[in-house]
PDB file of all heavy atoms in Angstrom:
ATOM      1  N   GLY A   1      19.729 -83.800  59.633  1.00  0.00           N
ATOM      2  CA  GLY A   1      18.680 -83.837  58.617  1.00  0.00           C
ATOM      3  C   GLY A   1      17.337 -84.323  59.121  1.00  0.00           C
ATOM      4  O   GLY A   1      16.462 -84.681  58.323  1.00  0.00           O
ATOM      5  N   LEU A   2      17.142 -84.320  60.451  1.00  0.00           N
ATOM      6  CA  LEU A   2      15.865 -84.742  61.023  1.00  0.00           C
ATOM      7  C   LEU A   2      14.998 -83.526  61.321  1.00  0.00           C
ATOM      8  O   LEU A   2      15.498 -82.460  61.697  1.00  0.00           O
ATOM      9  CB  LEU A   2      16.095 -85.537  62.313  1.00  0.00           C
ATOM     10  CG  LEU A   2      17.027 -86.745  62.243  1.00  0.00           C
ATOM     11  CD1 LEU A   2      17.064 -87.453  63.599  1.00  0.00           C
ATOM     12  CD2 LEU A   2      16.599 -87.710  61.154  1.00  0.00           C
ATOM     13  N   GLU A   3      13.686 -83.689  61.158  1.00  0.00           N
ATOM     14  CA  GLU A   3      12.754 -82.604  61.495  1.00  0.00           C
ATOM     15  C   GLU A   3      12.909 -82.296  62.981  1.00  0.00           C
ATOM     16  O   GLU A   3      12.812 -83.176  63.834  1.00  0.00           O
ATOM     17  CB  GLU A   3      11.330 -83.031  61.161  1.00  0.00           C
ATOM     18  CG  GLU A   3      10.373 -81.882  60.949  1.00  0.00           C
ATOM     19  CD  GLU A   3      10.692 -81.061  59.702  1.00  0.00           C
ATOM     20  OE1 GLU A   3      11.249 -81.602  58.732  1.00  0.00           O
ATOM     21  OE2 GLU A   3      10.355 -79.859  59.721  1.00  0.00           O
ATOM     22  N   ASP A   4      13.154 -81.032  63.315  1.00  0.00           N
ATOM     23  CA  ASP A   4      13.622 -80.661  64.652  1.00  0.00           C
ATOM     24  C   ASP A   4      12.475 -80.343  65.621  1.00  0.00           C
ATOM     25  O   ASP A   4      12.012 -79.211  65.720  1.00  0.00           O
ATOM     26  CB  ASP A   4      14.563 -79.458  64.542  1.00  0.00           C
ATOM     27  CG  ASP A   4      15.281 -79.168  65.853  1.00  0.00           C
ATOM     28  OD1 ASP A   4      15.015 -79.871  66.847  1.00  0.00           O
ATOM     29  OD2 ASP A   4      16.114 -78.243  65.872  1.00  0.00           O
ATOM     30  N   PHE A   5      12.041 -81.378  66.332  1.00  0.00           N
ATOM     31  CA  PHE A   5      11.043 -81.203  67.388  1.00  0.00           C
ATOM     32  C   PHE A   5      11.649 -81.451  68.765  1.00  0.00           C
ATOM     33  O   PHE A   5      10.944 -81.779  69.720  1.00  0.00           O
ATOM     34  CB  PHE A   5       9.856 -82.143  67.163  1.00  0.00           C
ATOM     35  CG  PHE A   5       8.886 -81.658  66.120  1.00  0.00           C
ATOM     36  CD1 PHE A   5       9.055 -82.003  64.788  1.00  0.00           C
ATOM     37  CD2 PHE A   5       7.831 -80.829  66.468  1.00  0.00           C
ATOM     38  CE1 PHE A   5       8.175 -81.550  63.818  1.00  0.00           C
ATOM     39  CE2 PHE A   5       6.944 -80.374  65.504  1.00  0.00           C
ATOM     40  CZ  PHE A   5       7.116 -80.731  64.177  1.00  0.00           C
ATOM     41  N   ARG A   6      12.935 -81.277  68.896  1.00  0.00           N
ATOM     42  CA  ARG A   6      13.600 -81.489  70.180  1.00  0.00           C
ATOM     43  C   ARG A   6      13.040 -80.536  71.239  1.00  0.00           C
ATOM     44  O   ARG A   6      12.930 -79.348  71.011  1.00  0.00           O
ATOM     45  CB  ARG A   6      15.105 -81.289  70.036  1.00  0.00           C
ATOM     46  CG  ARG A   6      15.797 -82.329  69.160  1.00  0.00           C
ATOM     47  CD  ARG A   6      17.263 -81.987  68.940  1.00  0.00           C
ATOM     48  NE  ARG A   6      17.391 -80.729  68.194  1.00  0.00           N
ATOM     49  CZ  ARG A   6      18.555 -80.100  67.997  1.00  0.00           C
ATOM     50  NH1 ARG A   6      19.672 -80.618  68.506  1.00  0.00           N
ATOM     51  NH2 ARG A   6      18.586 -78.978  67.313  1.00  0.00           N
ATOM     52  N   GLY A   7      12.658 -81.111  72.378  1.00  0.00           N
ATOM     53  CA  GLY A   7      12.176 -80.296  73.490  1.00  0.00           C
ATOM     54  C   GLY A   7      10.722 -79.893  73.431  1.00  0.00           C
ATOM     55  O   GLY A   7      10.231 -79.200  74.330  1.00  0.00           O
ATOM     56  N   VAL A   8       9.986 -80.318  72.419  1.00  0.00           N
ATOM     57  CA  VAL A   8       8.586 -79.924  72.289  1.00  0.00           C
ATOM     58  C   VAL A   8       7.721 -80.579  73.364  1.00  0.00           C
ATOM     59  O   VAL A   8       8.060 -81.639  73.889  1.00  0.00           O
ATOM     60  CB  VAL A   8       8.054 -80.301  70.884  1.00  0.00           C
ATOM     61  CG1 VAL A   8       7.888 -81.814  70.745  1.00  0.00           C
ATOM     62  CG2 VAL A   8       6.745 -79.587  70.575  1.00  0.00           C
ATOM     63  N   VAL A   9       6.603 -79.947  73.683  1.00  0.00           N
ATOM     64  CA  VAL A   9       5.600 -80.545  74.564  1.00  0.00           C
ATOM     65  C   VAL A   9       4.476 -81.077  73.695  1.00  0.00           C
ATOM     66  O   VAL A   9       3.871 -80.330  72.913  1.00  0.00           O
ATOM     67  CB  VAL A   9       5.032 -79.504  75.559  1.00  0.00           C
ATOM     68  CG1 VAL A   9       3.908 -80.129  76.399  1.00  0.00           C
ATOM     69  CG2 VAL A   9       6.126 -78.982  76.466  1.00  0.00           C
ATOM     70  N   LEU A  10       4.199 -82.372  73.790  1.00  0.00           N
ATOM     71  CA  LEU A  10       3.137 -82.976  72.995  1.00  0.00           C
ATOM     72  C   LEU A  10       1.963 -83.369  73.887  1.00  0.00           C
ATOM     73  O   LEU A  10       2.126 -84.114  74.857  1.00  0.00           O
ATOM     74  CB  LEU A  10       3.653 -84.216  72.255  1.00  0.00           C
ATOM     75  CG  LEU A  10       4.647 -83.975  71.113  1.00  0.00           C
ATOM     76  CD1 LEU A  10       5.037 -85.300  70.474  1.00  0.00           C
ATOM     77  CD2 LEU A  10       4.071 -83.024  70.069  1.00  0.00           C
ATOM     78  N   THR A  11       0.792 -82.853  73.534  1.00  0.00           N
ATOM     79  CA  THR A  11      -0.441 -83.254  74.213  1.00  0.00           C
ATOM     80  C   THR A  11      -1.233 -84.234  73.364  1.00  0.00           C
ATOM     81  O   THR A  11      -2.218 -84.808  73.822  1.00  0.00           O
ATOM     82  CB  THR A  11      -1.310 -82.026  74.526  1.00  0.00           C
ATOM     83  OG1 THR A  11      -1.602 -81.334  73.299  1.00  0.00           O
ATOM     84  CG2 THR A  11      -0.594 -81.076  75.477  1.00  0.00           C
ATOM     85  N   GLU A  12      -0.805 -84.397  72.104  1.00  0.00           N
ATOM     86  CA  GLU A  12      -1.488 -85.292  71.175  1.00  0.00           C
ATOM     87  C   GLU A  12      -0.704 -86.595  71.016  1.00  0.00           C
ATOM     88  O   GLU A  12       0.525 -86.594  70.938  1.00  0.00           O
ATOM     89  CB  GLU A  12      -1.639 -84.641  69.796  1.00  0.00           C
ATOM     90  CG  GLU A  12      -2.520 -83.406  69.792  1.00  0.00           C
ATOM     91  CD  GLU A  12      -3.981 -83.742  70.030  1.00  0.00           C
ATOM     92  OE1 GLU A  12      -4.393 -84.871  69.695  1.00  0.00           O
ATOM     93  OE2 GLU A  12      -4.701 -82.859  70.528  1.00  0.00           O
ATOM     94  N   THR A  13      -1.418 -87.714  70.937  1.00  0.00           N
ATOM     95  CA  THR A  13      -0.799 -89.013  70.718  1.00  0.00           C
ATOM     96  C   THR A  13      -0.373 -89.171  69.260  1.00  0.00           C
ATOM     97  O   THR A  13      -1.096 -88.772  68.349  1.00  0.00           O
ATOM     98  CB  THR A  13      -1.783 -90.138  71.098  1.00  0.00           C
ATOM     99  OG1 THR A  13      -1.924 -90.162  72.518  1.00  0.00           O
ATOM    100  CG2 THR A  13      -1.282 -91.501  70.627  1.00  0.00           C
ATOM    101  N   ILE A  14       0.808 -89.738  69.056  1.00  0.00           N
ATOM    102  CA  ILE A  14       1.246 -90.114  67.715  1.00  0.00           C
ATOM    103  C   ILE A  14       0.662 -91.502  67.451  1.00  0.00           C
ATOM    104  O   ILE A  14       1.145 -92.508  67.972  1.00  0.00           O
ATOM    105  CB  ILE A  14       2.779 -90.122  67.612  1.00  0.00           C
ATOM    106  CG1 ILE A  14       3.325 -88.718  67.876  1.00  0.00           C
ATOM    107  CG2 ILE A  14       3.230 -90.636  66.245  1.00  0.00           C
ATOM    108  CD1 ILE A  14       4.845 -88.638  67.943  1.00  0.00           C
ATOM    109  N   GLN A  15      -0.400 -91.565  66.663  1.00  0.00           N
ATOM    110  CA  GLN A  15      -1.159 -92.811  66.496  1.00  0.00           C
ATOM    111  C   GLN A  15      -1.567 -93.009  65.034  1.00  0.00           C
ATOM    112  O   GLN A  15      -2.001 -92.073  64.357  1.00  0.00           O
ATOM    113  CB  GLN A  15      -2.410 -92.789  67.380  1.00  0.00           C
ATOM    114  CG  GLN A  15      -3.173 -94.108  67.395  1.00  0.00           C
ATOM    115  CD  GLN A  15      -4.367 -94.048  68.331  1.00  0.00           C
ATOM    116  OE1 GLN A  15      -5.062 -93.036  68.407  1.00  0.00           O
ATOM    117  NE2 GLN A  15      -4.600 -95.127  69.043  1.00  0.00           N
ATOM    118  N   TYR A  16      -1.413 -94.273  64.566  1.00  0.00           N
ATOM    119  CA  TYR A  16      -1.765 -94.642  63.186  1.00  0.00           C
ATOM    120  C   TYR A  16      -1.057 -93.752  62.163  1.00  0.00           C
ATOM    121  O   TYR A  16      -1.630 -93.347  61.155  1.00  0.00           O
ATOM    122  CB  TYR A  16      -3.279 -94.576  62.971  1.00  0.00           C
ATOM    123  CG  TYR A  16      -4.059 -95.508  63.862  1.00  0.00           C
ATOM    124  CD1 TYR A  16      -4.994 -95.011  64.766  1.00  0.00           C
ATOM    125  CD2 TYR A  16      -3.868 -96.884  63.808  1.00  0.00           C
ATOM    126  CE1 TYR A  16      -5.712 -95.865  65.595  1.00  0.00           C
ATOM    127  CE2 TYR A  16      -4.578 -97.737  64.632  1.00  0.00           C
ATOM    128  CZ  TYR A  16      -5.494 -97.228  65.524  1.00  0.00           C
ATOM    129  OH  TYR A  16      -6.196 -98.069  66.350  1.00  0.00           O
ATOM    130  N   LEU A  17       0.211 -93.449  62.453  1.00  0.00           N
ATOM    131  CA  LEU A  17       0.999 -92.617  61.541  1.00  0.00           C
ATOM    132  C   LEU A  17       2.251 -93.357  61.091  1.00  0.00           C
ATOM    133  O   LEU A  17       2.776 -94.205  61.805  1.00  0.00           O
ATOM    134  CB  LEU A  17       1.424 -91.315  62.225  1.00  0.00           C
ATOM    135  CG  LEU A  17       0.360 -90.222  62.399  1.00  0.00           C
ATOM    136  CD1 LEU A  17       0.953 -89.052  63.183  1.00  0.00           C
ATOM    137  CD2 LEU A  17      -0.156 -89.751  61.052  1.00  0.00           C
ATOM    138  N   THR A  18       2.732 -93.018  59.908  1.00  0.00           N
ATOM    139  CA  THR A  18       4.048 -93.440  59.447  1.00  0.00           C
ATOM    140  C   THR A  18       4.950 -92.223  59.544  1.00  0.00           C
ATOM    141  O   THR A  18       4.714 -91.209  58.874  1.00  0.00           O
ATOM    142  CB  THR A  18       3.992 -93.964  58.004  1.00  0.00           C
ATOM    143  OG1 THR A  18       3.159 -95.132  57.964  1.00  0.00           O
ATOM    144  CG2 THR A  18       5.379 -94.327  57.510  1.00  0.00           C
ATOM    145  N   VAL A  19       5.958 -92.304  60.416  1.00  0.00           N
ATOM    146  CA  VAL A  19       6.798 -91.145  60.727  1.00  0.00           C
ATOM    147  C   VAL A  19       8.249 -91.471  60.378  1.00  0.00           C
ATOM    148  O   VAL A  19       8.770 -92.519  60.772  1.00  0.00           O
ATOM    149  CB  VAL A  19       6.693 -90.758  62.215  1.00  0.00           C
ATOM    150  CG1 VAL A  19       7.522 -89.514  62.508  1.00  0.00           C
ATOM    151  CG2 VAL A  19       5.235 -90.534  62.611  1.00  0.00           C
ATOM    152  N   GLN A  20       8.895 -90.579  59.655  1.00  0.00           N
ATOM    153  CA  GLN A  20      10.286 -90.778  59.268  1.00  0.00           C
ATOM    154  C   GLN A  20      11.092 -89.505  59.511  1.00  0.00           C
ATOM    155  O   GLN A  20      10.587 -88.394  59.344  1.00  0.00           O
ATOM    156  CB  GLN A  20      10.391 -91.158  57.787  1.00  0.00           C
ATOM    157  CG  GLN A  20       9.708 -92.474  57.431  1.00  0.00           C
ATOM    158  CD  GLN A  20       9.842 -92.803  55.949  1.00  0.00           C
ATOM    159  OE1 GLN A  20      10.202 -91.957  55.142  1.00  0.00           O
ATOM    160  NE2 GLN A  20       9.552 -94.036  55.585  1.00  0.00           N
ATOM    161  N   GLN A  21      12.336 -89.687  59.924  1.00  0.00           N
ATOM    162  CA  GLN A  21      13.299 -88.588  60.008  1.00  0.00           C
ATOM    163  C   GLN A  21      12.823 -87.444  60.907  1.00  0.00           C
ATOM    164  O   GLN A  21      12.832 -86.279  60.518  1.00  0.00           O
ATOM    165  CB  GLN A  21      13.580 -88.037  58.602  1.00  0.00           C
ATOM    166  CG  GLN A  21      14.117 -89.056  57.594  1.00  0.00           C
ATOM    167  CD  GLN A  21      15.574 -89.397  57.803  1.00  0.00           C
ATOM    168  OE1 GLN A  21      15.917 -90.504  58.156  1.00  0.00           O
ATOM    169  NE2 GLN A  21      16.448 -88.434  57.593  1.00  0.00           N
ATOM    170  N   VAL A  22      12.421 -87.794  62.132  1.00  0.00           N
ATOM    171  CA  VAL A  22      11.973 -86.781  63.090  1.00  0.00           C
ATOM    172  C   VAL A  22      12.784 -86.916  64.377  1.00  0.00           C
ATOM    173  O   VAL A  22      12.997 -88.033  64.872  1.00  0.00           O
ATOM    174  CB  VAL A  22      10.470 -86.917  63.404  1.00  0.00           C
ATOM    175  CG1 VAL A  22      10.051 -85.943  64.506  1.00  0.00           C
ATOM    176  CG2 VAL A  22       9.646 -86.671  62.148  1.00  0.00           C
ATOM    177  N   ASP A  23      13.256 -85.797  64.907  1.00  0.00           N
ATOM    178  CA  ASP A  23      13.996 -85.795  66.169  1.00  0.00           C
ATOM    179  C   ASP A  23      13.110 -85.236  67.273  1.00  0.00           C
ATOM    180  O   ASP A  23      12.776 -84.050  67.288  1.00  0.00           O
ATOM    181  CB  ASP A  23      15.264 -84.944  66.045  1.00  0.00           C
ATOM    182  CG  ASP A  23      16.230 -85.169  67.216  1.00  0.00           C
ATOM    183  OD1 ASP A  23      15.772 -85.622  68.283  1.00  0.00           O
ATOM    184  OD2 ASP A  23      17.429 -84.896  67.046  1.00  0.00           O
ATOM    185  N   LEU A  24      12.712 -86.113  68.181  1.00  0.00           N
ATOM    186  CA  LEU A  24      11.877 -85.730  69.326  1.00  0.00           C
ATOM    187  C   LEU A  24      12.654 -85.858  70.640  1.00  0.00           C
ATOM    188  O   LEU A  24      12.066 -86.065  71.701  1.00  0.00           O
ATOM    189  CB  LEU A  24      10.623 -86.603  69.366  1.00  0.00           C
ATOM    190  CG  LEU A  24       9.532 -86.229  68.355  1.00  0.00           C
ATOM    191  CD1 LEU A  24       8.643 -87.414  68.039  1.00  0.00           C
ATOM    192  CD2 LEU A  24       8.696 -85.069  68.876  1.00  0.00           C
ATOM    193  N   SER A  25      13.959 -85.722  70.571  1.00  0.00           N
ATOM    194  CA  SER A  25      14.767 -85.791  71.783  1.00  0.00           C
ATOM    195  C   SER A  25      14.274 -84.784  72.823  1.00  0.00           C
ATOM    196  O   SER A  25      13.944 -83.643  72.489  1.00  0.00           O
ATOM    197  CB  SER A  25      16.237 -85.490  71.455  1.00  0.00           C
ATOM    198  OG  SER A  25      16.778 -86.461  70.602  1.00  0.00           O
ATOM    199  N   TYR A  26      14.199 -85.248  74.059  1.00  0.00           N
ATOM    200  CA  TYR A  26      13.773 -84.427  75.203  1.00  0.00           C
ATOM    201  C   TYR A  26      12.349 -83.902  75.080  1.00  0.00           C
ATOM    202  O   TYR A  26      11.935 -82.991  75.806  1.00  0.00           O
ATOM    203  CB  TYR A  26      14.739 -83.248  75.432  1.00  0.00           C
ATOM    204  CG  TYR A  26      16.177 -83.679  75.499  1.00  0.00           C
ATOM    205  CD1 TYR A  26      17.107 -83.267  74.540  1.00  0.00           C
ATOM    206  CD2 TYR A  26      16.607 -84.543  76.500  1.00  0.00           C
ATOM    207  CE1 TYR A  26      18.424 -83.687  74.585  1.00  0.00           C
ATOM    208  CE2 TYR A  26      17.930 -84.971  76.553  1.00  0.00           C
ATOM    209  CZ  TYR A  26      18.827 -84.547  75.600  1.00  0.00           C
ATOM    210  OH  TYR A  26      20.127 -84.969  75.642  1.00  0.00           O
ATOM    211  N   ALA A  27      11.583 -84.463  74.154  1.00  0.00           N
ATOM    212  CA  ALA A  27      10.169 -84.092  74.069  1.00  0.00           C
ATOM    213  C   ALA A  27       9.450 -84.538  75.329  1.00  0.00           C
ATOM    214  O   ALA A  27       9.805 -85.553  75.936  1.00  0.00           O
ATOM    215  CB  ALA A  27       9.528 -84.723  72.837  1.00  0.00           C
ATOM    216  N   ARG A  28       8.437 -83.795  75.700  1.00  0.00           N
ATOM    217  CA  ARG A  28       7.643 -84.148  76.878  1.00  0.00           C
ATOM    218  C   ARG A  28       6.238 -84.553  76.430  1.00  0.00           C
ATOM    219  O   ARG A  28       5.519 -83.747  75.840  1.00  0.00           O
ATOM    220  CB  ARG A  28       7.589 -82.958  77.841  1.00  0.00           C
ATOM    221  CG  ARG A  28       8.924 -82.685  78.526  1.00  0.00           C
ATOM    222  CD  ARG A  28       8.925 -81.346  79.221  1.00  0.00           C
ATOM    223  NE  ARG A  28       8.913 -80.232  78.258  1.00  0.00           N
ATOM    224  CZ  ARG A  28       8.676 -78.980  78.583  1.00  0.00           C
ATOM    225  NH1 ARG A  28       8.404 -78.653  79.838  1.00  0.00           N
ATOM    226  NH2 ARG A  28       8.693 -78.031  77.654  1.00  0.00           N
ATOM    227  N   PHE A  29       5.911 -85.797  76.680  1.00  0.00           N
ATOM    228  CA  PHE A  29       4.586 -86.332  76.360  1.00  0.00           C
ATOM    229  C   PHE A  29       3.712 -86.129  77.596  1.00  0.00           C
ATOM    230  O   PHE A  29       3.938 -86.768  78.627  1.00  0.00           O
ATOM    231  CB  PHE A  29       4.674 -87.805  75.983  1.00  0.00           C
ATOM    232  CG  PHE A  29       5.319 -88.054  74.644  1.00  0.00           C
ATOM    233  CD1 PHE A  29       6.691 -87.893  74.470  1.00  0.00           C
ATOM    234  CD2 PHE A  29       4.555 -88.442  73.551  1.00  0.00           C
ATOM    235  CE1 PHE A  29       7.291 -88.119  73.239  1.00  0.00           C
ATOM    236  CE2 PHE A  29       5.143 -88.665  72.313  1.00  0.00           C
ATOM    237  CZ  PHE A  29       6.514 -88.505  72.160  1.00  0.00           C
ATOM    238  N   VAL A  30       2.738 -85.243  77.506  1.00  0.00           N
ATOM    239  CA  VAL A  30       1.919 -84.909  78.669  1.00  0.00           C
ATOM    240  C   VAL A  30       0.469 -85.301  78.431  1.00  0.00           C
ATOM    241  O   VAL A  30       0.074 -85.679  77.328  1.00  0.00           O
ATOM    242  CB  VAL A  30       2.028 -83.401  79.010  1.00  0.00           C
ATOM    243  CG1 VAL A  30       3.464 -83.032  79.343  1.00  0.00           C
ATOM    244  CG2 VAL A  30       1.518 -82.543  77.870  1.00  0.00           C
ATOM    245  N   GLU A  31      -0.320 -85.186  79.494  1.00  0.00           N
ATOM    246  CA  GLU A  31      -1.717 -85.605  79.466  1.00  0.00           C
ATOM    247  C   GLU A  31      -1.785 -87.058  79.009  1.00  0.00           C
ATOM    248  O   GLU A  31      -1.183 -87.919  79.622  1.00  0.00           O
ATOM    249  CB  GLU A  31      -2.552 -84.646  78.602  1.00  0.00           C
ATOM    250  CG  GLU A  31      -2.547 -83.211  79.140  1.00  0.00           C
ATOM    251  CD  GLU A  31      -3.288 -82.241  78.258  1.00  0.00           C
ATOM    252  OE1 GLU A  31      -4.019 -82.671  77.344  1.00  0.00           O
ATOM    253  OE2 GLU A  31      -3.137 -81.019  78.476  1.00  0.00           O
ATOM    254  N   THR A  32      -2.476 -87.363  77.924  1.00  0.00           N
ATOM    255  CA  THR A  32      -2.617 -88.760  77.493  1.00  0.00           C
ATOM    256  C   THR A  32      -1.746 -89.081  76.268  1.00  0.00           C
ATOM    257  O   THR A  32      -1.917 -90.125  75.641  1.00  0.00           O
ATOM    258  CB  THR A  32      -4.080 -89.081  77.156  1.00  0.00           C
ATOM    259  OG1 THR A  32      -4.526 -88.202  76.106  1.00  0.00           O
ATOM    260  CG2 THR A  32      -4.963 -88.903  78.379  1.00  0.00           C
ATOM    261  N   ALA A  33      -0.810 -88.224  75.924  1.00  0.00           N
ATOM    262  CA  ALA A  33       0.005 -88.411  74.727  1.00  0.00           C
ATOM    263  C   ALA A  33       0.907 -89.639  74.849  1.00  0.00           C
ATOM    264  O   ALA A  33       1.526 -89.871  75.891  1.00  0.00           O
ATOM    265  CB  ALA A  33       0.856 -87.174  74.474  1.00  0.00           C
ATOM    266  N   THR A  34       0.979 -90.436  73.765  1.00  0.00           N
ATOM    267  CA  THR A  34       1.816 -91.627  73.730  1.00  0.00           C
ATOM    268  C   THR A  34       2.357 -91.830  72.316  1.00  0.00           C
ATOM    269  O   THR A  34       2.033 -91.079  71.394  1.00  0.00           O
ATOM    270  CB  THR A  34       1.014 -92.900  74.118  1.00  0.00           C
ATOM    271  OG1 THR A  34      -0.009 -93.121  73.134  1.00  0.00           O
ATOM    272  CG2 THR A  34       0.379 -92.781  75.480  1.00  0.00           C
ATOM    273  N   LEU A  35       3.175 -92.890  72.167  1.00  0.00           N
ATOM    274  CA  LEU A  35       3.590 -93.369  70.838  1.00  0.00           C
ATOM    275  C   LEU A  35       2.817 -94.653  70.609  1.00  0.00           C
ATOM    276  O   LEU A  35       3.200 -95.714  71.097  1.00  0.00           O
ATOM    277  CB  LEU A  35       5.090 -93.659  70.814  1.00  0.00           C
ATOM    278  CG  LEU A  35       6.061 -92.483  70.809  1.00  0.00           C
ATOM    279  CD1 LEU A  35       7.484 -92.987  70.937  1.00  0.00           C
ATOM    280  CD2 LEU A  35       5.906 -91.685  69.521  1.00  0.00           C
ATOM    281  N   ASN A  36       1.740 -94.584  69.872  1.00  0.00           N
ATOM    282  CA  ASN A  36       0.797 -95.704  69.848  1.00  0.00           C
ATOM    283  C   ASN A  36       0.439 -96.123  68.421  1.00  0.00           C
ATOM    284  O   ASN A  36      -0.044 -95.319  67.628  1.00  0.00           O
ATOM    285  CB  ASN A  36      -0.475 -95.313  70.611  1.00  0.00           C
ATOM    286  CG  ASN A  36      -1.317 -96.507  70.996  1.00  0.00           C
ATOM    287  OD1 ASN A  36      -1.033 -97.626  70.602  1.00  0.00           O
ATOM    288  ND2 ASN A  36      -2.351 -96.258  71.771  1.00  0.00           N
ATOM    289  N   THR A  37       0.698 -97.416  68.127  1.00  0.00           N
ATOM    290  CA  THR A  37       0.247 -98.025  66.871  1.00  0.00           C
ATOM    291  C   THR A  37       0.710 -97.226  65.653  1.00  0.00           C
ATOM    292  O   THR A  37      -0.069 -96.901  64.760  1.00  0.00           O
ATOM    293  CB  THR A  37      -1.291 -98.163  66.852  1.00  0.00           C
ATOM    294  OG1 THR A  37      -1.763 -98.467  68.152  1.00  0.00           O
ATOM    295  CG2 THR A  37      -1.717 -99.285  65.921  1.00  0.00           C
ATOM    296  N   SER A  38       2.003 -96.921  65.619  1.00  0.00           N
ATOM    297  CA  SER A  38       2.571 -96.191  64.490  1.00  0.00           C
ATOM    298  C   SER A  38       3.829 -96.889  63.990  1.00  0.00           C
ATOM    299  O   SER A  38       4.388 -97.753  64.661  1.00  0.00           O
ATOM    300  CB  SER A  38       2.911 -94.749  64.898  1.00  0.00           C
ATOM    301  OG  SER A  38       1.731 -93.997  65.122  1.00  0.00           O
ATOM    302  N   LYS A  39       4.266 -96.502  62.805  1.00  0.00           N
ATOM    303  CA  LYS A  39       5.491 -97.025  62.221  1.00  0.00           C
ATOM    304  C   LYS A  39       6.487 -95.876  62.140  1.00  0.00           C
ATOM    305  O   LYS A  39       6.256 -94.887  61.448  1.00  0.00           O
ATOM    306  CB  LYS A  39       5.221 -97.602  60.828  1.00  0.00           C
ATOM    307  CG  LYS A  39       6.441 -98.239  60.193  1.00  0.00           C
ATOM    308  CD  LYS A  39       6.090 -98.892  58.854  1.00  0.00           C
ATOM    309  CE  LYS A  39       7.296 -99.576  58.230  1.00  0.00           C
ATOM    310  NZ  LYS A  39       6.948-100.241  56.945  1.00  0.00           N
ATOM    311  N   LEU A  40       7.595 -96.024  62.869  1.00  0.00           N
ATOM    312  CA  LEU A  40       8.567 -94.938  62.958  1.00  0.00           C
ATOM    313  C   LEU A  40       9.932 -95.416  62.472  1.00  0.00           C
ATOM    314  O   LEU A  40      10.424 -96.463  62.900  1.00  0.00           O
ATOM    315  CB  LEU A  40       8.652 -94.425  64.395  1.00  0.00           C
ATOM    316  CG  LEU A  40       7.320 -93.858  64.925  1.00  0.00           C
ATOM    317  CD1 LEU A  40       6.677 -94.824  65.892  1.00  0.00           C
ATOM    318  CD2 LEU A  40       7.512 -92.502  65.565  1.00  0.00           C
ATOM    319  N   THR A  41      10.544 -94.637  61.592  1.00  0.00           N
ATOM    320  CA  THR A  41      11.819 -94.995  60.991  1.00  0.00           C
ATOM    321  C   THR A  41      12.782 -93.811  61.077  1.00  0.00           C
ATOM    322  O   THR A  41      12.397 -92.672  60.801  1.00  0.00           O
ATOM    323  CB  THR A  41      11.628 -95.381  59.506  1.00  0.00           C
ATOM    324  OG1 THR A  41      10.661 -96.425  59.399  1.00  0.00           O
ATOM    325  CG2 THR A  41      12.946 -95.854  58.902  1.00  0.00           C
ATOM    326  N   ASN A  42      14.015 -94.102  61.473  1.00  0.00           N
ATOM    327  CA  ASN A  42      15.064 -93.064  61.566  1.00  0.00           C
ATOM    328  C   ASN A  42      14.609 -91.876  62.413  1.00  0.00           C
ATOM    329  O   ASN A  42      14.773 -90.719  62.030  1.00  0.00           O
ATOM    330  CB  ASN A  42      15.460 -92.581  60.161  1.00  0.00           C
ATOM    331  CG  ASN A  42      16.083 -93.678  59.324  1.00  0.00           C
ATOM    332  OD1 ASN A  42      16.765 -94.558  59.842  1.00  0.00           O
ATOM    333  ND2 ASN A  42      15.836 -93.635  58.021  1.00  0.00           N
ATOM    334  N   CYS A  43      14.051 -92.180  63.566  1.00  0.00           N
ATOM    335  CA  CYS A  43      13.602 -91.137  64.488  1.00  0.00           C
ATOM    336  C   CYS A  43      14.425 -91.183  65.776  1.00  0.00           C
ATOM    337  O   CYS A  43      14.992 -92.220  66.140  1.00  0.00           O
ATOM    338  CB  CYS A  43      12.119 -91.308  64.812  1.00  0.00           C
ATOM    339  SG  CYS A  43      11.025 -91.009  63.403  1.00  0.00           S
TER     340      CYS A  43
END
């Protein structure tokens, strides 16, 4: 039941977001993308 972003390539930073129920398994964070200053639940 998680939003399916498995394997995605992210060039954008996840920042100042509230994120719930997302699957980012095997995602590739490239360039300057990070997990920064966000609230993440059940991810």
